[in-house]
Structures are given as structure tokens and as C-alpha cells.
Amino acid sequence: CPENTMAEAERWAAQIGGPAYAIDEQTAIKVSDGAVEVV
């Protein structure tokens, strides 16, 4: 996915109204009882 750069993620995030995560293949997001944890 050569278009999925951090610069592109920053442009994307600037257009949405809320928190956003850019993550690679070695990253997961765990949500438990409303608490968000990045692993």
C-alpha cells in the first residue's frame, strides 16, 4: 500500500472530526470498557 504514508494519514486525519489512529501491521487497538489501549 505505497499510498499509505504518514503524510497521507495526516492529510486524512485533518479532514475528519474526531480522534484517529494511523497504524501499521504490528499494531493493534484494544478497547475494553471504553478504555483504548494501543498494543
Full PDB file with SEQRES, HELIX, SHEET, SSBOND, CRYST1, ORIGX, SCALE, CONECT and MASTER records, all heavy atoms in Angstrom:
SEQRES   1 A   39  CYS PRO GLU ASN THR MET ALA GLU ALA GLU ARG TRP ALA          
SEQRES   2 A   39  ALA GLN ILE GLY GLY PRO ALA TYR ALA ILE ASP GLU GLN          
SEQRES   3 A   39  THR ALA ILE LYS VAL SER ASP GLY ALA VAL GLU VAL VAL          
HELIX    1 AA1 MET A    6  GLN A   15  1                                  10    
SHEET    1 AA1 2 ILE A  29  SER A  32  0                                        
SHEET    2 AA1 2 ALA A  35  VAL A  38 -1                                        
CRYST1    1.000    1.000    1.000  90.00  90.00  90.00 P 1           1          
ORIGX1      1.000000  0.000000  0.000000        0.00000                         
ORIGX2      0.000000  1.000000  0.000000        0.00000                         
ORIGX3      0.000000  0.000000  1.000000        0.00000                         
SCALE1      1.000000  0.000000  0.000000        0.00000                         
SCALE2      0.000000  1.000000  0.000000        0.00000                         
SCALE3      0.000000  0.000000  1.000000        0.00000                         
ATOM      1  N   CYS A   1       0.862  -1.197   0.000  1.00  0.00           N  
ATOM      2  CA  CYS A   1       0.000   0.000   0.000  1.00  0.00           C  
ATOM      3  C   CYS A   1       0.892   1.240   0.000  1.00  0.00           C  
ATOM      4  O   CYS A   1       0.955   1.970   1.003  1.00  0.00           O  
ATOM      5  CB  CYS A   1      -0.910  -0.002   1.227  1.00  0.00           C  
ATOM      6  SG  CYS A   1      -1.960  -1.437   1.383  1.00  0.00           S  
ATOM      7  N   PRO A   2       1.597   1.518  -1.093  1.00  0.00           N  
ATOM      8  CA  PRO A   2       2.562   2.625  -1.103  1.00  0.00           C  
ATOM      9  C   PRO A   2       1.936   3.995  -0.841  1.00  0.00           C  
ATOM     10  O   PRO A   2       2.625   4.923  -0.426  1.00  0.00           O  
ATOM     11  CB  PRO A   2       3.190   2.548  -2.494  1.00  0.00           C  
ATOM     12  CG  PRO A   2       2.229   1.763  -3.321  1.00  0.00           C  
ATOM     13  CD  PRO A   2       1.519   0.835  -2.376  1.00  0.00           C  
ATOM     14  N   GLU A   3       0.629   4.111  -1.041  1.00  0.00           N  
ATOM     15  CA  GLU A   3      -0.043   5.395  -0.787  1.00  0.00           C  
ATOM     16  C   GLU A   3      -0.337   5.611   0.700  1.00  0.00           C  
ATOM     17  O   GLU A   3      -0.707   6.710   1.098  1.00  0.00           O  
ATOM     18  CB  GLU A   3      -1.339   5.483  -1.606  1.00  0.00           C  
ATOM     19  CG  GLU A   3      -2.420   4.509  -1.175  1.00  0.00           C  
ATOM     20  CD  GLU A   3      -2.285   3.083  -1.717  1.00  0.00           C  
ATOM     21  OE1 GLU A   3      -1.301   2.766  -2.403  1.00  0.00           O  
ATOM     22  OE2 GLU A   3      -3.178   2.279  -1.433  1.00  0.00           O  
ATOM     23  N   ASN A   4      -0.165   4.603   1.527  1.00  0.00           N  
ATOM     24  CA  ASN A   4      -0.486   4.709   2.950  1.00  0.00           C  
ATOM     25  C   ASN A   4       0.719   5.194   3.762  1.00  0.00           C  
ATOM     26  O   ASN A   4       1.238   4.507   4.626  1.00  0.00           O  
ATOM     27  CB  ASN A   4      -0.995   3.364   3.488  1.00  0.00           C  
ATOM     28  CG  ASN A   4      -2.414   3.092   3.069  1.00  0.00           C  
ATOM     29  OD1 ASN A   4      -2.924   3.724   2.147  1.00  0.00           O  
ATOM     30  ND2 ASN A   4      -3.051   2.158   3.726  1.00  0.00           N  
ATOM     31  N   THR A   5       1.130   6.410   3.495  1.00  0.00           N  
ATOM     32  CA  THR A   5       2.255   7.027   4.187  1.00  0.00           C  
ATOM     33  C   THR A   5       1.755   7.823   5.387  1.00  0.00           C  
ATOM     34  O   THR A   5       0.560   8.127   5.499  1.00  0.00           O  
ATOM     35  CB  THR A   5       2.994   7.983   3.243  1.00  0.00           C  
ATOM     36  OG1 THR A   5       2.088   9.043   2.881  1.00  0.00           O  
ATOM     37  CG2 THR A   5       3.499   7.277   1.988  1.00  0.00           C  
ATOM     38  N   MET A   6       2.676   8.197   6.268  1.00  0.00           N  
ATOM     39  CA  MET A   6       2.301   9.026   7.411  1.00  0.00           C  
ATOM     40  C   MET A   6       1.799  10.385   6.934  1.00  0.00           C  
ATOM     41  O   MET A   6       0.849  10.923   7.490  1.00  0.00           O  
ATOM     42  CB  MET A   6       3.480   9.187   8.369  1.00  0.00           C  
ATOM     43  CG  MET A   6       3.108   9.933   9.646  1.00  0.00           C  
ATOM     44  SD  MET A   6       1.846   9.111  10.669  1.00  0.00           S  
ATOM     45  CE  MET A   6       2.853   7.865  11.472  1.00  0.00           C  
ATOM     46  N   ALA A   7       2.389  10.925   5.877  1.00  0.00           N  
ATOM     47  CA  ALA A   7       1.926  12.216   5.345  1.00  0.00           C  
ATOM     48  C   ALA A   7       0.482  12.102   4.859  1.00  0.00           C  
ATOM     49  O   ALA A   7      -0.336  12.997   5.111  1.00  0.00           O  
ATOM     50  CB  ALA A   7       2.838  12.677   4.208  1.00  0.00           C  
ATOM     51  N   GLU A   8       0.146  11.006   4.189  1.00  0.00           N  
ATOM     52  CA  GLU A   8      -1.235  10.805   3.732  1.00  0.00           C  
ATOM     53  C   GLU A   8      -2.169  10.613   4.915  1.00  0.00           C  
ATOM     54  O   GLU A   8      -3.299  11.109   4.922  1.00  0.00           O  
ATOM     55  CB  GLU A   8      -1.317   9.620   2.774  1.00  0.00           C  
ATOM     56  CG  GLU A   8      -2.672   9.431   2.146  1.00  0.00           C  
ATOM     57  CD  GLU A   8      -3.145  10.637   1.336  1.00  0.00           C  
ATOM     58  OE1 GLU A   8      -2.327  11.323   0.710  1.00  0.00           O  
ATOM     59  OE2 GLU A   8      -4.371  10.882   1.335  1.00  0.00           O  
ATOM     60  N   ALA A   9      -1.718   9.901   5.937  1.00  0.00           N  
ATOM     61  CA  ALA A   9      -2.528   9.711   7.147  1.00  0.00           C  
ATOM     62  C   ALA A   9      -2.811  11.055   7.822  1.00  0.00           C  
ATOM     63  O   ALA A   9      -3.924  11.299   8.290  1.00  0.00           O  
ATOM     64  CB  ALA A   9      -1.820   8.767   8.115  1.00  0.00           C  
ATOM     65  N   GLU A  10      -1.826  11.924   7.852  1.00  0.00           N  
ATOM     66  CA  GLU A  10      -2.018  13.253   8.451  1.00  0.00           C  
ATOM     67  C   GLU A  10      -3.039  14.066   7.665  1.00  0.00           C  
ATOM     68  O   GLU A  10      -3.897  14.733   8.253  1.00  0.00           O  
ATOM     69  CB  GLU A  10      -0.685  13.985   8.541  1.00  0.00           C  
ATOM     70  CG  GLU A  10       0.230  13.398   9.589  1.00  0.00           C  
ATOM     71  CD  GLU A  10       1.625  14.015   9.603  1.00  0.00           C  
ATOM     72  OE1 GLU A  10       1.923  14.902   8.761  1.00  0.00           O  
ATOM     73  OE2 GLU A  10       2.423  13.580  10.451  1.00  0.00           O  
ATOM     74  N   ARG A  11      -2.961  14.019   6.324  1.00  0.00           N  
ATOM     75  CA  ARG A  11      -3.954  14.733   5.493  1.00  0.00           C  
ATOM     76  C   ARG A  11      -5.356  14.173   5.731  1.00  0.00           C  
ATOM     77  O   ARG A  11      -6.323  14.910   5.859  1.00  0.00           O  
ATOM     78  CB  ARG A  11      -3.583  14.620   4.014  1.00  0.00           C  
ATOM     79  CG  ARG A  11      -2.472  15.536   3.587  1.00  0.00           C  
ATOM     80  CD  ARG A  11      -2.295  15.556   2.075  1.00  0.00           C  
ATOM     81  NE  ARG A  11      -1.672  14.341   1.575  1.00  0.00           N  
ATOM     82  CZ  ARG A  11      -0.366  14.112   1.558  1.00  0.00           C  
ATOM     83  NH1 ARG A  11       0.467  15.010   2.017  1.00  0.00           N  
ATOM     84  NH2 ARG A  11       0.106  12.980   1.066  1.00  0.00           N  
ATOM     85  N   TRP A  12      -5.466  12.845   5.794  1.00  0.00           N  
ATOM     86  CA  TRP A  12      -6.752  12.182   6.043  1.00  0.00           C  
ATOM     87  C   TRP A  12      -7.309  12.590   7.398  1.00  0.00           C  
ATOM     88  O   TRP A  12      -8.478  12.960   7.520  1.00  0.00           O  
ATOM     89  CB  TRP A  12      -6.543  10.671   5.955  1.00  0.00           C  
ATOM     90  CG  TRP A  12      -7.644   9.839   6.508  1.00  0.00           C  
ATOM     91  CD1 TRP A  12      -8.826   9.539   5.898  1.00  0.00           C  
ATOM     92  CD2 TRP A  12      -7.673   9.202   7.781  1.00  0.00           C  
ATOM     93  NE1 TRP A  12      -9.586   8.734   6.726  1.00  0.00           N  
ATOM     94  CE2 TRP A  12      -8.896   8.522   7.880  1.00  0.00           C  
ATOM     95  CE3 TRP A  12      -6.783   9.135   8.848  1.00  0.00           C  
ATOM     96  CZ2 TRP A  12      -9.249   7.791   9.009  1.00  0.00           C  
ATOM     97  CZ3 TRP A  12      -7.122   8.406   9.961  1.00  0.00           C  
ATOM     98  CH2 TRP A  12      -8.349   7.745  10.033  1.00  0.00           C  
ATOM     99  N   ALA A  13      -6.479  12.522   8.429  1.00  0.00           N  
ATOM    100  CA  ALA A  13      -6.935  12.838   9.790  1.00  0.00           C  
ATOM    101  C   ALA A  13      -7.386  14.290   9.919  1.00  0.00           C  
ATOM    102  O   ALA A  13      -8.304  14.591  10.690  1.00  0.00           O  
ATOM    103  CB  ALA A  13      -5.829  12.533  10.796  1.00  0.00           C  
ATOM    104  N   ALA A  14      -6.773  15.186   9.159  1.00  0.00           N  
ATOM    105  CA  ALA A  14      -7.146  16.601   9.217  1.00  0.00           C  
ATOM    106  C   ALA A  14      -8.555  16.846   8.683  1.00  0.00           C  
ATOM    107  O   ALA A  14      -9.179  17.858   9.010  1.00  0.00           O  
ATOM    108  CB  ALA A  14      -6.132  17.440   8.437  1.00  0.00           C  
ATOM    109  N   GLN A  15      -9.086  15.912   7.898  1.00  0.00           N  
ATOM    110  CA  GLN A  15     -10.400  16.082   7.281  1.00  0.00           C  
ATOM    111  C   GLN A  15     -11.539  15.466   8.080  1.00  0.00           C  
ATOM    112  O   GLN A  15     -12.703  15.652   7.723  1.00  0.00           O  
ATOM    113  CB  GLN A  15     -10.394  15.467   5.880  1.00  0.00           C  
ATOM    114  CG  GLN A  15      -9.430  16.120   4.943  1.00  0.00           C  
ATOM    115  CD  GLN A  15      -9.388  15.407   3.604  1.00  0.00           C  
ATOM    116  OE1 GLN A  15     -10.264  14.622   3.262  1.00  0.00           O  
ATOM    117  NE2 GLN A  15      -8.350  15.671   2.834  1.00  0.00           N  
ATOM    118  N   ILE A  16     -11.229  14.700   9.105  1.00  0.00           N  
ATOM    119  CA  ILE A  16     -12.290  14.043   9.862  1.00  0.00           C  
ATOM    120  C   ILE A  16     -12.451  14.725  11.213  1.00  0.00           C  
ATOM    121  O   ILE A  16     -11.532  15.349  11.715  1.00  0.00           O  
ATOM    122  CB  ILE A  16     -12.043  12.526  10.022  1.00  0.00           C  
ATOM    123  CG1 ILE A  16     -10.759  12.263  10.767  1.00  0.00           C  
ATOM    124  CG2 ILE A  16     -12.021  11.830   8.674  1.00  0.00           C  
ATOM    125  CD1 ILE A  16     -10.552  10.801  11.093  1.00  0.00           C  
ATOM    126  N   GLY A  17     -13.613  14.614  11.784  1.00  0.00           N  
ATOM    127  CA  GLY A  17     -13.900  15.286  13.041  1.00  0.00           C  
ATOM    128  C   GLY A  17     -13.880  14.339  14.217  1.00  0.00           C  
ATOM    129  O   GLY A  17     -14.927  13.954  14.703  1.00  0.00           O  
ATOM    130  N   GLY A  18     -12.720  13.967  14.666  1.00  0.00           N  
ATOM    131  CA  GLY A  18     -12.634  13.075  15.809  1.00  0.00           C  
ATOM    132  C   GLY A  18     -11.279  12.428  15.890  1.00  0.00           C  
ATOM    133  O   GLY A  18     -10.442  12.596  15.008  1.00  0.00           O  
ATOM    134  N   PRO A  19     -11.052  11.664  16.938  1.00  0.00           N  
ATOM    135  CA  PRO A  19      -9.760  11.006  17.074  1.00  0.00           C  
ATOM    136  C   PRO A  19      -9.550   9.964  15.983  1.00  0.00           C  
ATOM    137  O   PRO A  19     -10.502   9.336  15.518  1.00  0.00           O  
ATOM    138  CB  PRO A  19      -9.817  10.349  18.452  1.00  0.00           C  
ATOM    139  CG  PRO A  19     -11.249  10.317  18.840  1.00  0.00           C  
ATOM    140  CD  PRO A  19     -11.955  11.365  18.045  1.00  0.00           C  
ATOM    141  N   ALA A  20      -8.302   9.803  15.588  1.00  0.00           N  
ATOM    142  CA  ALA A  20      -7.959   8.845  14.534  1.00  0.00           C  
ATOM    143  C   ALA A  20      -6.570   8.286  14.797  1.00  0.00           C  
ATOM    144  O   ALA A  20      -5.686   8.987  15.280  1.00  0.00           O  
ATOM    145  CB  ALA A  20      -7.991   9.537  13.176  1.00  0.00           C  
ATOM    146  N   TYR A  21      -6.422   7.018  14.477  1.00  0.00           N  
ATOM    147  CA  TYR A  21      -5.145   6.332  14.629  1.00  0.00           C  
ATOM    148  C   TYR A  21      -4.641   5.902  13.270  1.00  0.00           C  
ATOM    149  O   TYR A  21      -5.390   5.321  12.485  1.00  0.00           O  
ATOM    150  CB  TYR A  21      -5.298   5.072  15.479  1.00  0.00           C  
ATOM    151  CG  TYR A  21      -5.634   5.318  16.922  1.00  0.00           C  
ATOM    152  CD1 TYR A  21      -6.949   5.482  17.329  1.00  0.00           C  
ATOM    153  CD2 TYR A  21      -4.636   5.368  17.885  1.00  0.00           C  
ATOM    154  CE1 TYR A  21      -7.272   5.695  18.660  1.00  0.00           C  
ATOM    155  CE2 TYR A  21      -4.943   5.573  19.224  1.00  0.00           C  
ATOM    156  CZ  TYR A  21      -6.252   5.744  19.602  1.00  0.00           C  
ATOM    157  OH  TYR A  21      -6.566   5.953  20.917  1.00  0.00           O  
ATOM    158  N   ALA A  22      -3.349   6.136  13.004  1.00  0.00           N  
ATOM    159  CA  ALA A  22      -2.659   5.538  11.867  1.00  0.00           C  
ATOM    160  C   ALA A  22      -1.855   4.387  12.455  1.00  0.00           C  
ATOM    161  O   ALA A  22      -1.089   4.584  13.405  1.00  0.00           O  
ATOM    162  CB  ALA A  22      -1.738   6.547  11.198  1.00  0.00           C  
ATOM    163  N   ILE A  23      -2.057   3.175  11.920  1.00  0.00           N  
ATOM    164  CA  ILE A  23      -1.403   2.000  12.494  1.00  0.00           C  
ATOM    165  C   ILE A  23      -0.787   1.131  11.406  1.00  0.00           C  
ATOM    166  O   ILE A  23      -1.315   1.022  10.308  1.00  0.00           O  
ATOM    167  CB  ILE A  23      -2.373   1.160  13.356  1.00  0.00           C  
ATOM    168  CG1 ILE A  23      -3.527   0.603  12.530  1.00  0.00           C  
ATOM    169  CG2 ILE A  23      -2.897   1.974  14.534  1.00  0.00           C  
ATOM    170  CD1 ILE A  23      -4.427  -0.379  13.274  1.00  0.00           C  
ATOM    171  N   ASP A  24       0.336   0.498  11.747  1.00  0.00           N  
ATOM    172  CA  ASP A  24       0.981  -0.427  10.819  1.00  0.00           C  
ATOM    173  C   ASP A  24       0.552  -1.858  11.129  1.00  0.00           C  
ATOM    174  O   ASP A  24      -0.328  -2.089  11.959  1.00  0.00           O  
ATOM    175  CB  ASP A  24       2.500  -0.254  10.846  1.00  0.00           C  
ATOM    176  CG  ASP A  24       3.140  -0.692  12.154  1.00  0.00           C  
ATOM    177  OD1 ASP A  24       2.430  -1.157  13.079  1.00  0.00           O  
ATOM    178  OD2 ASP A  24       4.369  -0.569  12.269  1.00  0.00           O  
ATOM    179  N   GLU A  25       1.179  -2.802  10.467  1.00  0.00           N  
ATOM    180  CA  GLU A  25       0.803  -4.213  10.598  1.00  0.00           C  
ATOM    181  C   GLU A  25       1.197  -4.832  11.938  1.00  0.00           C  
ATOM    182  O   GLU A  25       0.725  -5.909  12.281  1.00  0.00           O  
ATOM    183  CB  GLU A  25       1.442  -5.028   9.471  1.00  0.00           C  
ATOM    184  CG  GLU A  25       1.059  -4.573   8.081  1.00  0.00           C  
ATOM    185  CD  GLU A  25      -0.431  -4.622   7.816  1.00  0.00           C  
ATOM    186  OE1 GLU A  25      -1.047  -5.678   7.968  1.00  0.00           O  
ATOM    187  OE2 GLU A  25      -0.992  -3.565   7.458  1.00  0.00           O  
ATOM    188  N   GLN A  26       2.057  -4.158  12.697  1.00  0.00           N  
ATOM    189  CA  GLN A  26       2.463  -4.670  14.003  1.00  0.00           C  
ATOM    190  C   GLN A  26       1.755  -3.955  15.142  1.00  0.00           C  
ATOM    191  O   GLN A  26       2.224  -3.952  16.273  1.00  0.00           O  
ATOM    192  CB  GLN A  26       3.991  -4.534  14.188  1.00  0.00           C  
ATOM    193  CG  GLN A  26       4.800  -5.487  13.337  1.00  0.00           C  
ATOM    194  CD  GLN A  26       4.858  -5.053  11.879  1.00  0.00           C  
ATOM    195  OE1 GLN A  26       5.064  -3.899  11.587  1.00  0.00           O  
ATOM    196  NE2 GLN A  26       4.661  -5.993  10.982  1.00  0.00           N  
ATOM    197  N   THR A  27       0.614  -3.368  14.842  1.00  0.00           N  
ATOM    198  CA  THR A  27      -0.119  -2.578  15.823  1.00  0.00           C  
ATOM    199  C   THR A  27      -1.572  -3.026  15.889  1.00  0.00           C  
ATOM    200  O   THR A  27      -2.177  -3.317  14.871  1.00  0.00           O  
ATOM    201  CB  THR A  27      -0.061  -1.080  15.464  1.00  0.00           C  
ATOM    202  OG1 THR A  27       1.322  -0.684  15.383  1.00  0.00           O  
ATOM    203  CG2 THR A  27      -0.762  -0.211  16.476  1.00  0.00           C  
ATOM    204  N   ALA A  28      -2.077  -3.074  17.108  1.00  0.00           N  
ATOM    205  CA  ALA A  28      -3.487  -3.388  17.345  1.00  0.00           C  
ATOM    206  C   ALA A  28      -4.049  -2.356  18.315  1.00  0.00           C  
ATOM    207  O   ALA A  28      -3.307  -1.733  19.081  1.00  0.00           O  
ATOM    208  CB  ALA A  28      -3.642  -4.780  17.935  1.00  0.00           C  
ATOM    209  N   ILE A  29      -5.347  -2.183  18.270  1.00  0.00           N  
ATOM    210  CA  ILE A  29      -6.021  -1.281  19.200  1.00  0.00           C  
ATOM    211  C   ILE A  29      -6.993  -2.111  20.017  1.00  0.00           C  
ATOM    212  O   ILE A  29      -7.884  -2.761  19.466  1.00  0.00           O  
ATOM    213  CB  ILE A  29      -6.743  -0.142  18.460  1.00  0.00           C  
ATOM    214  CG1 ILE A  29      -5.726   0.674  17.657  1.00  0.00           C  
ATOM    215  CG2 ILE A  29      -7.490   0.735  19.451  1.00  0.00           C  
ATOM    216  CD1 ILE A  29      -6.340   1.735  16.782  1.00  0.00           C  
ATOM    217  N   LYS A  30      -6.807  -2.085  21.325  1.00  0.00           N  
ATOM    218  CA  LYS A  30      -7.648  -2.841  22.247  1.00  0.00           C  
ATOM    219  C   LYS A  30      -8.583  -1.867  22.961  1.00  0.00           C  
ATOM    220  O   LYS A  30      -8.146  -0.855  23.495  1.00  0.00           O  
ATOM    221  CB  LYS A  30      -6.763  -3.559  23.277  1.00  0.00           C  
ATOM    222  CG  LYS A  30      -7.526  -4.290  24.342  1.00  0.00           C  
ATOM    223  CD  LYS A  30      -6.558  -4.901  25.348  1.00  0.00           C  
ATOM    224  CE  LYS A  30      -7.296  -5.468  26.529  1.00  0.00           C  
ATOM    225  NZ  LYS A  30      -6.347  -6.001  27.531  1.00  0.00           N  
ATOM    226  N   VAL A  31      -9.868  -2.179  22.940  1.00  0.00           N  
ATOM    227  CA  VAL A  31     -10.858  -1.360  23.638  1.00  0.00           C  
ATOM    228  C   VAL A  31     -11.568  -2.262  24.637  1.00  0.00           C  
ATOM    229  O   VAL A  31     -12.160  -3.269  24.264  1.00  0.00           O  
ATOM    230  CB  VAL A  31     -11.875  -0.730  22.659  1.00  0.00           C  
ATOM    231  CG1 VAL A  31     -12.885   0.116  23.410  1.00  0.00           C  
ATOM    232  CG2 VAL A  31     -11.165   0.085  21.595  1.00  0.00           C  
ATOM    233  N   SER A  32     -11.498  -1.880  25.901  1.00  0.00           N  
ATOM    234  CA  SER A  32     -12.124  -2.657  26.958  1.00  0.00           C  
ATOM    235  C   SER A  32     -12.817  -1.703  27.918  1.00  0.00           C  
ATOM    236  O   SER A  32     -12.169  -0.813  28.490  1.00  0.00           O  
ATOM    237  CB  SER A  32     -11.063  -3.475  27.700  1.00  0.00           C  
ATOM    238  OG  SER A  32     -11.650  -4.232  28.728  1.00  0.00           O  
ATOM    239  N   ASP A  33     -14.126  -1.855  28.058  1.00  0.00           N  
ATOM    240  CA  ASP A  33     -14.924  -0.967  28.928  1.00  0.00           C  
ATOM    241  C   ASP A  33     -14.697   0.505  28.599  1.00  0.00           C  
ATOM    242  O   ASP A  33     -14.619   1.347  29.487  1.00  0.00           O  
ATOM    243  CB  ASP A  33     -14.625  -1.243  30.400  1.00  0.00           C  
ATOM    244  CG  ASP A  33     -15.095  -2.609  30.843  1.00  0.00           C  
ATOM    245  OD1 ASP A  33     -16.118  -3.082  30.307  1.00  0.00           O  
ATOM    246  OD2 ASP A  33     -14.447  -3.215  31.715  1.00  0.00           O  
ATOM    247  N   GLY A  34     -14.536   0.804  27.321  1.00  0.00           N  
ATOM    248  CA  GLY A  34     -14.369   2.187  26.882  1.00  0.00           C  
ATOM    249  C   GLY A  34     -12.946   2.703  26.918  1.00  0.00           C  
ATOM    250  O   GLY A  34     -12.664   3.772  26.401  1.00  0.00           O  
ATOM    251  N   ALA A  35     -12.036   1.970  27.532  1.00  0.00           N  
ATOM    252  CA  ALA A  35     -10.631   2.385  27.591  1.00  0.00           C  
ATOM    253  C   ALA A  35      -9.907   1.885  26.345  1.00  0.00           C  
ATOM    254  O   ALA A  35     -10.007   0.716  25.994  1.00  0.00           O  
ATOM    255  CB  ALA A  35      -9.969   1.840  28.848  1.00  0.00           C  
ATOM    256  N   VAL A  36      -9.176   2.783  25.699  1.00  0.00           N  
ATOM    257  CA  VAL A  36      -8.441   2.454  24.475  1.00  0.00           C  
ATOM    258  C   VAL A  36      -6.974   2.238  24.819  1.00  0.00           C  
ATOM    259  O   VAL A  36      -6.364   3.059  25.504  1.00  0.00           O  
ATOM    260  CB  VAL A  36      -8.573   3.584  23.430  1.00  0.00           C  
ATOM    261  CG1 VAL A  36      -7.771   3.267  22.180  1.00  0.00           C  
ATOM    262  CG2 VAL A  36     -10.036   3.832  23.093  1.00  0.00           C  
ATOM    263  N   GLU A  37      -6.423   1.125  24.329  1.00  0.00           N  
ATOM    264  CA  GLU A  37      -5.012   0.814  24.537  1.00  0.00           C  
ATOM    265  C   GLU A  37      -4.403   0.412  23.200  1.00  0.00           C  
ATOM    266  O   GLU A  37      -4.952  -0.424  22.490  1.00  0.00           O  
ATOM    267  CB  GLU A  37      -4.867  -0.339  25.529  1.00  0.00           C  
ATOM    268  CG  GLU A  37      -3.446  -0.789  25.750  1.00  0.00           C  
ATOM    269  CD  GLU A  37      -3.350  -2.021  26.638  1.00  0.00           C  
ATOM    270  OE1 GLU A  37      -4.382  -2.498  27.142  1.00  0.00           O  
ATOM    271  OE2 GLU A  37      -2.230  -2.517  26.804  1.00  0.00           O  
ATOM    272  N   VAL A  38      -3.277   1.026  22.862  1.00  0.00           N  
ATOM    273  CA  VAL A  38      -2.563   0.666  21.654  1.00  0.00           C  
ATOM    274  C   VAL A  38      -1.506  -0.371  22.034  1.00  0.00           C  
ATOM    275  O   VAL A  38      -0.710  -0.149  22.951  1.00  0.00           O  
ATOM    276  CB  VAL A  38      -1.898   1.892  20.993  1.00  0.00           C  
ATOM    277  CG1 VAL A  38      -1.070   1.480  19.781  1.00  0.00           C  
ATOM    278  CG2 VAL A  38      -2.956   2.911  20.597  1.00  0.00           C  
ATOM    279  N   VAL A  39      -1.528  -1.492  21.351  1.00  0.00           N  
ATOM    280  CA  VAL A  39      -0.560  -2.562  21.560  1.00  0.00           C  
ATOM    281  C   VAL A  39       0.279  -2.624  20.290  1.00  0.00           C  
ATOM    282  O   VAL A  39      -0.261  -2.887  19.213  1.00  0.00           O  
ATOM    283  CB  VAL A  39      -1.273  -3.915  21.807  1.00  0.00           C  
ATOM    284  CG1 VAL A  39      -0.257  -5.018  22.038  1.00  0.00           C  
ATOM    285  CG2 VAL A  39      -2.255  -3.799  22.964  1.00  0.00           C  
TER     286      VAL A  39                                                      
MASTER        0    0    0    1    2    0    0    6  285    1    0    3          
END                                                                             
